[in-house]
């Protein structure tokens, strides 16, 4: 089933994401620097989207050039947007933020936007490192191991 390995780039992104998040949590960087969560949300959206694209390849959901350009962009934007929305709801539930906090709306919007920008970057990486054979009936796509 999982003949394709995850994108090597996704491992680098995951390590960076975890490094930023752990540093932000233990060193209180999230509270010292108001912008600190933006790169974390970006990296989270980037990593999640890379993993979604890999799963789509592994389950054979991306087979033709038309499918991967249209379907993959829609799926990563929907999945990443939903994950960002639920993460923001989790932050409220856990008491990390309140809706009455000053700048809550702007912070939430930039967090979700940062995740979606990460999704678009993952999509662009996916398109750049994708190699599809258009000569056969099956149009099988294979990930080119870049990086």
Foldseek 3Di string as FASTA:
>chain_A
DQPDDQAPVLVVLVVVLVVLVVCCVVVVVVVVPVCSCLVNLLSVLLNVLSVVVSVCLRVVVDFAPVCLLPVSLVVSLVVQLVVLVVVLVVCCVVVVDHPPDPCSVVSSVSSSVSSNVSNVVNSVVQVVQKDWDPPDPRGGIDGHRDD
